[in-house]
């Protein structure tokens, strides 16, 4: 210590034996916080290594990292991290005689990569009264996928614009979800898409029930339909009278029907008779007969009974025996 001098009202009455002296004191290390900077990156299939730098708090006298010893290094769960997630970056390795160094962890965030999907198709279908569309995701293109990653479409929902028959109808695809072992590393740029597909007419099942009349003709009243979708109004034939023929003339099962008038259907735009299954029967024609009255006396043999066929019961050319 040098330059020692006296002060006070009575300082003039004293003189110092010397103006210098020696004493002792400690200089303790200053605290210095070293915090790893946060790092944000996008998944690319490669392993992370190192860090993104550190922030220093506590340097004195304009000192910098150049005044520290050792070599800055990084550890923690971040080292070697590949998949999208949050990890820890732990700094270490710096030394100093003048600073007590506190190392603070930082964070690494690997965000999922954005992927663009295309190529989902919808299958054509036969009218079933619903808007649901069946989707095919087997040939999708995933733009932005890391080579070798296991990634696919896990699910998606397809809906036609409406349920009615039509060609190249718009199908809206929604709720697309990714699957596969690496799906957590990706997010879709959009979870919706669109495509087109067709809905074709549904063939009706045609049932014929006619009474034997010696002709091949089938009239409107002898035809009924099945296979109509629940909730739909059953189609009906616009024409009247004879609309077709069958090869089954005698009593028996009907297995064929030929449209002879170009049948048009009411409420039938979603249905067709092309490819319709045919079933039905030609049933026996009722015959009405009258029996003649007869009498006998006690002890006589039974008389012979006779009958007659009432007019219009038998068709021309037909006869009865017995």
Protein backbone atom coordinates (compact mmCIF):
# COMPACT_ATOMS: atom_id res chain seq x y z
CA UNK A 1 0.00 0.00 0.00
CA UNK A 2 1.50 3.38 -0.91
CA UNK A 3 0.60 7.08 -0.69
CA UNK A 4 -0.63 6.80 2.87
CA UNK A 5 -1.62 10.17 4.36
CA UNK A 6 -3.36 11.40 7.50
CA UNK A 7 -6.66 13.27 7.64
CA UNK A 8 -8.78 14.86 10.35
CA UNK A 9 -8.78 18.04 12.48
CA UNK A 10 -5.71 17.00 14.42
CA UNK A 11 -3.71 15.55 11.52
CA UNK A 12 -1.28 18.43 11.76
CA UNK A 13 -0.16 17.26 15.15
CA UNK A 14 1.09 13.97 13.78
CA UNK A 15 3.57 12.65 11.23
CA UNK A 16 3.75 9.21 9.67
CA UNK A 17 6.82 7.08 10.17
CA UNK A 18 6.29 5.89 6.57
CA UNK A 19 3.82 6.31 3.71
CA UNK A 20 3.88 2.66 2.54
CA UNK A 21 2.78 -0.66 4.10
CA UNK A 22 2.21 -4.31 3.28
CA UNK A 23 -0.96 -6.39 3.94
CA UNK A 24 -2.65 -9.53 2.47
CA UNK A 25 -6.12 -10.31 0.89
CA UNK A 26 -7.76 -13.02 -1.24
CA UNK A 27 -9.10 -12.63 -4.82
CA UNK A 28 -11.85 -15.20 -5.37
CA UNK A 29 -12.94 -16.51 -8.75
CA UNK A 30 -15.80 -14.67 -10.43
CA UNK A 31 -18.84 -16.78 -11.37
CA UNK A 32 -19.26 -17.40 -15.10
CA UNK A 33 -22.35 -19.05 -16.54
CA UNK A 34 -21.90 -20.96 -19.78
CA UNK A 35 -25.25 -21.95 -21.31
CA UNK A 36 -25.68 -24.05 -24.44
CA UNK A 37 -27.68 -22.24 -27.11
CA UNK A 38 -30.92 -23.83 -28.28
CA UNK A 39 -30.82 -25.59 -31.64
CA UNK A 40 -33.82 -26.25 -33.87
CA UNK A 41 -33.50 -28.44 -36.96
CA UNK A 42 -35.72 -30.44 -39.28
CA UNK A 43 -35.54 -34.22 -39.47
CA UNK A 44 -33.32 -35.39 -42.33
CA UNK A 45 -32.39 -38.90 -41.25
CA UNK A 46 -28.86 -37.95 -40.12
CA UNK A 47 -27.46 -38.08 -36.58
CA UNK A 48 -26.89 -34.78 -34.76
CA UNK A 49 -23.44 -33.98 -33.41
CA UNK A 50 -21.96 -31.00 -31.54
CA UNK A 51 -23.87 -27.93 -30.54
CA UNK A 52 -24.97 -24.51 -31.68
CA UNK A 53 -22.64 -22.44 -29.50
CA UNK A 54 -22.91 -21.11 -25.98
CA UNK A 55 -23.82 -17.86 -24.25
CA UNK A 56 -21.53 -16.44 -21.55
CA UNK A 57 -22.76 -14.39 -18.59
CA UNK A 58 -20.23 -13.11 -16.01
CA UNK A 59 -17.08 -11.93 -17.81
CA UNK A 60 -15.37 -8.94 -16.11
CA UNK A 61 -12.92 -6.34 -17.30
CA UNK A 62 -13.98 -6.82 -20.93
CA UNK A 63 -12.67 -10.35 -20.96
CA UNK A 64 -14.02 -12.90 -23.47
CA UNK A 65 -13.95 -16.61 -24.16
CA UNK A 66 -10.41 -16.10 -25.40
CA UNK A 67 -9.39 -15.75 -21.73
CA UNK A 68 -10.60 -19.27 -20.93
CA UNK A 69 -8.69 -22.48 -21.16
CA UNK A 70 -9.73 -25.95 -22.26
CA UNK A 71 -11.85 -26.87 -25.26
CA UNK A 72 -15.61 -26.42 -25.48
CA UNK A 73 -17.38 -29.73 -26.10
CA UNK A 74 -20.95 -30.99 -26.09
CA UNK A 75 -22.68 -34.03 -24.67
CA UNK A 76 -26.16 -35.06 -23.56
CA UNK A 77 -28.96 -36.92 -25.27
CA UNK A 78 -28.59 -34.69 -28.33
CA UNK A 79 -25.45 -36.42 -29.48
CA UNK A 80 -26.37 -38.96 -32.10
CA UNK A 81 -30.05 -37.98 -32.04
CA UNK A 82 -31.89 -38.75 -35.29
CA UNK A 83 -35.65 -38.86 -34.73
CA UNK A 84 -37.99 -35.93 -34.29
CA UNK A 85 -38.09 -35.11 -30.57
CA UNK A 86 -36.60 -32.85 -27.87
CA UNK A 87 -33.07 -33.54 -26.57
CA UNK A 88 -30.51 -32.08 -24.14
CA UNK A 89 -27.27 -30.35 -25.16
CA UNK A 90 -24.77 -30.36 -22.27
CA UNK A 91 -21.72 -28.04 -22.62
CA UNK A 92 -18.39 -28.80 -20.89
CA UNK A 93 -14.62 -28.67 -21.28
CA UNK A 94 -13.81 -24.99 -20.53
CA UNK A 95 -11.44 -24.07 -17.64
CA UNK A 96 -10.26 -20.87 -15.97
CA UNK A 97 -8.09 -19.75 -13.03
CA UNK A 98 -10.15 -16.58 -12.64
CA UNK A 99 -13.71 -17.87 -13.14
CA UNK A 100 -15.82 -20.45 -11.45
CA UNK A 101 -17.64 -21.86 -14.48
CA UNK A 102 -21.25 -23.05 -14.25
CA UNK A 103 -22.39 -25.13 -17.24
CA UNK A 104 -26.09 -24.99 -18.12
CA UNK A 105 -27.85 -27.36 -20.51
CA UNK A 106 -29.51 -26.20 -23.69
CA UNK A 107 -32.05 -27.92 -25.90
CA UNK A 108 -32.12 -29.57 -29.30
CA UNK A 109 -35.45 -29.82 -31.04
CA UNK A 110 -35.74 -31.95 -34.18
CA UNK A 111 -38.99 -31.08 -35.92
CA UNK A 112 -40.80 -33.53 -38.20
CA UNK A 113 -40.08 -33.06 -41.90
CA UNK A 114 -42.95 -31.83 -44.04
CA UNK A 115 -43.95 -34.31 -46.72
CA UNK A 116 -46.20 -33.93 -49.76
CA UNK A 117 -48.43 -36.83 -50.74
CA UNK A 118 -50.01 -37.58 -54.11
CA UNK A 119 -51.42 -40.55 -55.98
CA UNK A 120 -54.34 -41.72 -53.81
CA UNK A 121 -57.01 -43.07 -56.15
CA UNK A 122 -60.65 -44.04 -55.69
CA UNK A 123 -62.26 -47.19 -57.05
CA UNK A 124 -65.27 -47.13 -59.35
CA UNK A 125 -68.32 -48.67 -57.74
CA UNK A 126 -71.87 -49.79 -58.40
CA UNK A 127 -74.59 -47.57 -56.97
CA UNK A 128 -75.31 -48.47 -53.35
CA UNK A 129 -77.05 -45.35 -52.07
CA UNK A 130 -74.01 -44.10 -50.13
CA UNK A 131 -71.36 -41.46 -50.82
CA UNK A 132 -68.57 -43.65 -49.44
CA UNK A 133 -65.63 -44.27 -51.76
CA UNK A 134 -63.04 -47.03 -51.49
CA UNK A 135 -59.50 -45.67 -51.73
CA UNK A 136 -56.29 -47.21 -53.05
CA UNK A 137 -53.12 -45.94 -51.35
CA UNK A 138 -50.74 -48.61 -52.66
CA UNK A 139 -49.16 -46.38 -55.31
CA UNK A 140 -48.86 -43.06 -53.50
CA UNK A 141 -45.86 -40.78 -53.99
CA UNK A 142 -44.33 -39.32 -50.81
CA UNK A 143 -42.24 -36.30 -51.79
CA UNK A 144 -39.70 -35.41 -49.12
CA UNK A 145 -39.27 -38.86 -47.62
CA UNK A 146 -35.75 -39.85 -46.59
CA UNK A 147 -34.53 -42.80 -48.63
CA UNK A 148 -34.95 -46.05 -46.75
CA UNK A 149 -37.52 -44.78 -44.26
CA UNK A 150 -40.58 -46.93 -43.56
CA UNK A 151 -43.47 -44.63 -44.42
CA UNK A 152 -46.91 -45.24 -45.89
CA UNK A 153 -50.53 -44.08 -45.71
CA UNK A 154 -52.20 -45.67 -42.71
CA UNK A 155 -55.72 -44.42 -43.33
CA UNK A 156 -57.84 -41.98 -45.29
CA UNK A 157 -61.53 -41.33 -45.91
CA UNK A 158 -63.09 -40.89 -49.35
CA UNK A 159 -66.49 -39.42 -50.19
CA UNK A 160 -68.18 -38.90 -53.55
CA UNK A 161 -69.80 -35.51 -54.08
CA UNK A 162 -73.17 -37.32 -53.97
CA UNK A 163 -74.47 -40.89 -54.08
CA UNK A 164 -75.96 -40.84 -57.58
CA UNK A 165 -74.71 -42.53 -60.74
CA UNK A 166 -72.18 -40.55 -62.78
CA UNK A 167 -68.79 -40.69 -64.49
CA UNK A 168 -65.62 -38.98 -63.31
CA UNK A 169 -67.29 -37.74 -60.16
CA UNK A 170 -65.23 -35.77 -57.66
CA UNK A 171 -64.09 -37.77 -54.64
CA UNK A 172 -62.95 -35.73 -51.64
CA UNK A 173 -60.22 -37.40 -49.60
CA UNK A 174 -59.82 -36.37 -45.97
CA UNK A 175 -58.28 -37.46 -42.67
CA UNK A 176 -55.13 -38.78 -44.35
CA UNK A 177 -52.83 -40.28 -41.73
CA UNK A 178 -49.29 -41.59 -42.10
CA UNK A 179 -48.14 -45.02 -40.93
CA UNK A 180 -44.92 -46.98 -40.77
CA UNK A 181 -42.03 -47.18 -38.33
CA UNK A 182 -40.75 -43.70 -39.27
CA UNK A 183 -44.10 -41.90 -39.48
CA UNK A 184 -43.42 -39.84 -36.32
CA UNK A 185 -40.62 -38.07 -38.19
CA UNK A 186 -42.99 -36.61 -40.76
CA UNK A 187 -46.01 -34.39 -41.04
CA UNK A 188 -48.20 -33.98 -44.10
CA UNK A 189 -48.35 -30.65 -45.89
CA UNK A 190 -52.08 -31.39 -46.21
CA UNK A 191 -54.31 -34.12 -44.83
CA UNK A 192 -56.80 -33.77 -47.66
CA UNK A 193 -56.81 -34.38 -51.41
CA UNK A 194 -59.20 -35.15 -54.25
CA UNK A 195 -59.53 -37.55 -57.14
CA UNK A 196 -62.28 -38.82 -59.45
CA UNK A 197 -64.16 -42.09 -59.90
CA UNK A 198 -67.43 -43.30 -61.38
CA UNK A 199 -70.63 -44.77 -59.96
CA UNK A 200 -72.41 -47.17 -62.32
CA UNK A 201 -76.07 -48.21 -62.31
CA UNK A 202 -77.08 -51.11 -60.10
CA UNK A 203 -78.64 -54.07 -61.96
CA UNK A 204 -82.06 -54.90 -60.56
CA UNK A 205 -83.29 -58.39 -59.87
CA UNK A 206 -86.36 -59.02 -62.00
CA UNK A 207 -89.10 -61.34 -60.79
CA UNK A 208 -91.85 -62.53 -63.13
CA UNK A 209 -95.09 -64.17 -62.10
CA UNK A 210 -97.55 -64.97 -64.87
CA UNK A 211 -100.46 -67.31 -65.30
CA UNK A 212 -100.22 -69.77 -68.17
CA UNK A 213 -101.71 -68.19 -71.29
CA UNK A 214 -100.03 -70.12 -74.14
CA UNK A 215 -97.94 -67.06 -75.08
CA UNK A 216 -94.38 -65.92 -74.47
CA UNK A 217 -95.55 -62.42 -73.66
CA UNK A 218 -94.72 -60.72 -70.36
CA UNK A 219 -96.86 -57.78 -69.29
CA UNK A 220 -95.93 -54.93 -66.96
CA UNK A 221 -98.25 -56.18 -64.22
CA UNK A 222 -96.42 -59.51 -64.16
CA UNK A 223 -93.02 -57.96 -63.30
CA UNK A 224 -91.66 -56.88 -59.94
CA UNK A 225 -88.20 -55.70 -58.88
CA UNK A 226 -85.91 -56.51 -55.98
CA UNK A 227 -82.45 -55.29 -55.10
CA UNK A 228 -83.58 -51.70 -54.53
CA UNK A 229 -81.37 -49.85 -52.04
CA UNK A 230 -83.05 -49.26 -48.69
CA UNK A 231 -84.66 -45.84 -48.59
CA UNK A 232 -85.01 -45.54 -52.38
CA UNK A 233 -88.37 -45.42 -54.11
CA UNK A 234 -88.78 -48.65 -56.03
CA UNK A 235 -88.52 -48.07 -59.79
CA UNK A 236 -91.51 -48.74 -61.99
CA UNK A 237 -91.86 -49.37 -65.72
CA UNK A 238 -93.06 -46.38 -67.72
CA UNK A 239 -94.57 -48.47 -70.54
CA UNK A 240 -97.79 -50.44 -70.30
CA UNK A 241 -99.02 -53.75 -71.68
CA UNK A 242 -96.59 -56.30 -73.10
CA UNK A 243 -92.96 -55.26 -72.55
CA UNK A 244 -91.08 -58.49 -73.15
CA UNK A 245 -91.05 -62.21 -73.79
CA UNK A 246 -89.75 -65.41 -72.21
CA UNK A 247 -88.98 -68.80 -73.65
CA UNK A 248 -90.94 -70.44 -70.84
CA UNK A 249 -94.51 -70.82 -72.14
CA UNK A 250 -95.71 -73.89 -70.25
CA UNK A 251 -96.02 -74.02 -66.48
CA UNK A 252 -92.55 -73.96 -64.96
CA UNK A 253 -89.65 -71.77 -63.89
CA UNK A 254 -88.80 -68.62 -65.83
CA UNK A 255 -85.08 -68.06 -66.30
CA UNK A 256 -84.96 -65.61 -69.20
CA UNK A 257 -86.56 -62.35 -70.27
CA UNK A 258 -86.20 -60.35 -73.46
CA UNK A 259 -87.03 -56.64 -73.37
CA UNK A 260 -89.02 -55.94 -76.52
CA UNK A 261 -89.90 -52.28 -76.00
CA UNK A 262 -86.75 -50.70 -74.53
CA UNK A 263 -88.07 -50.48 -71.01
CA UNK A 264 -87.75 -47.11 -69.29
CA UNK A 265 -87.90 -46.84 -65.52
CA UNK A 266 -89.52 -44.23 -63.32
CA UNK A 267 -87.22 -43.33 -60.38
CA UNK A 268 -84.67 -45.54 -62.07
CA UNK A 269 -81.71 -43.36 -63.04
CA UNK A 270 -79.53 -45.24 -60.56
CA UNK A 271 -80.71 -48.67 -61.72
CA UNK A 272 -80.56 -50.79 -64.86
CA UNK A 273 -82.13 -53.95 -66.21
CA UNK A 274 -78.94 -54.76 -68.10
CA UNK A 275 -77.40 -57.73 -66.37
CA UNK A 276 -80.43 -58.19 -64.16
CA UNK A 277 -80.96 -61.60 -62.63
CA UNK A 278 -84.20 -63.25 -63.78
CA UNK A 279 -86.45 -65.48 -61.75
CA UNK A 280 -90.11 -66.38 -61.69
CA UNK A 281 -92.71 -68.90 -62.67
CA UNK A 282 -95.50 -69.60 -65.09
CA UNK A 283 -98.25 -70.84 -62.81
CA UNK A 284 -101.19 -73.10 -63.75
CA UNK A 285 -104.26 -71.39 -65.13
CA UNK A 286 -107.39 -72.02 -63.04
CA UNK A 287 -110.11 -74.04 -64.76
CA UNK A 288 -113.72 -73.75 -63.68
CA UNK A 289 -116.02 -76.75 -64.16
CA UNK A 290 -119.63 -77.55 -63.41
CA UNK A 291 -120.94 -81.03 -62.50
CA UNK A 292 -124.36 -82.36 -63.55
CA UNK A 293 -126.80 -83.42 -60.86
CA UNK A 294 -127.76 -87.12 -60.56
CA UNK A 295 -130.13 -89.20 -58.42
CA UNK A 296 -130.56 -92.85 -57.51
CA UNK A 297 -133.01 -95.08 -55.64
CA UNK A 298 -132.10 -97.04 -52.59
CA UNK A 299 -130.30 -100.19 -53.50
CA UNK A 300 -129.30 -98.96 -56.97
CA UNK A 301 -125.73 -98.51 -58.12
CA UNK A 302 -124.20 -95.05 -58.06
CA UNK A 303 -124.91 -93.12 -61.23
CA UNK A 304 -122.15 -91.83 -63.43
CA UNK A 305 -121.37 -88.20 -62.83
CA UNK A 306 -120.61 -85.84 -65.68
CA UNK A 307 -119.04 -82.38 -65.77
CA UNK A 308 -118.62 -79.52 -68.17
CA UNK A 309 -115.92 -76.88 -68.48
CA UNK A 310 -117.24 -73.40 -68.04
CA UNK A 311 -116.75 -71.01 -70.93
CA UNK A 312 -113.40 -69.17 -71.19
CA UNK A 313 -111.72 -71.57 -68.76
CA UNK A 314 -109.70 -73.47 -71.31
CA UNK A 315 -107.59 -71.67 -73.85
CA UNK A 316 -108.15 -72.37 -77.50
CA UNK A 317 -106.69 -75.70 -78.52
CA UNK A 318 -106.30 -77.00 -74.96
CA UNK A 319 -108.37 -79.82 -73.50
CA UNK A 320 -108.92 -81.76 -70.29
CA UNK A 321 -108.99 -85.49 -69.76
CA UNK A 322 -110.40 -87.56 -66.96
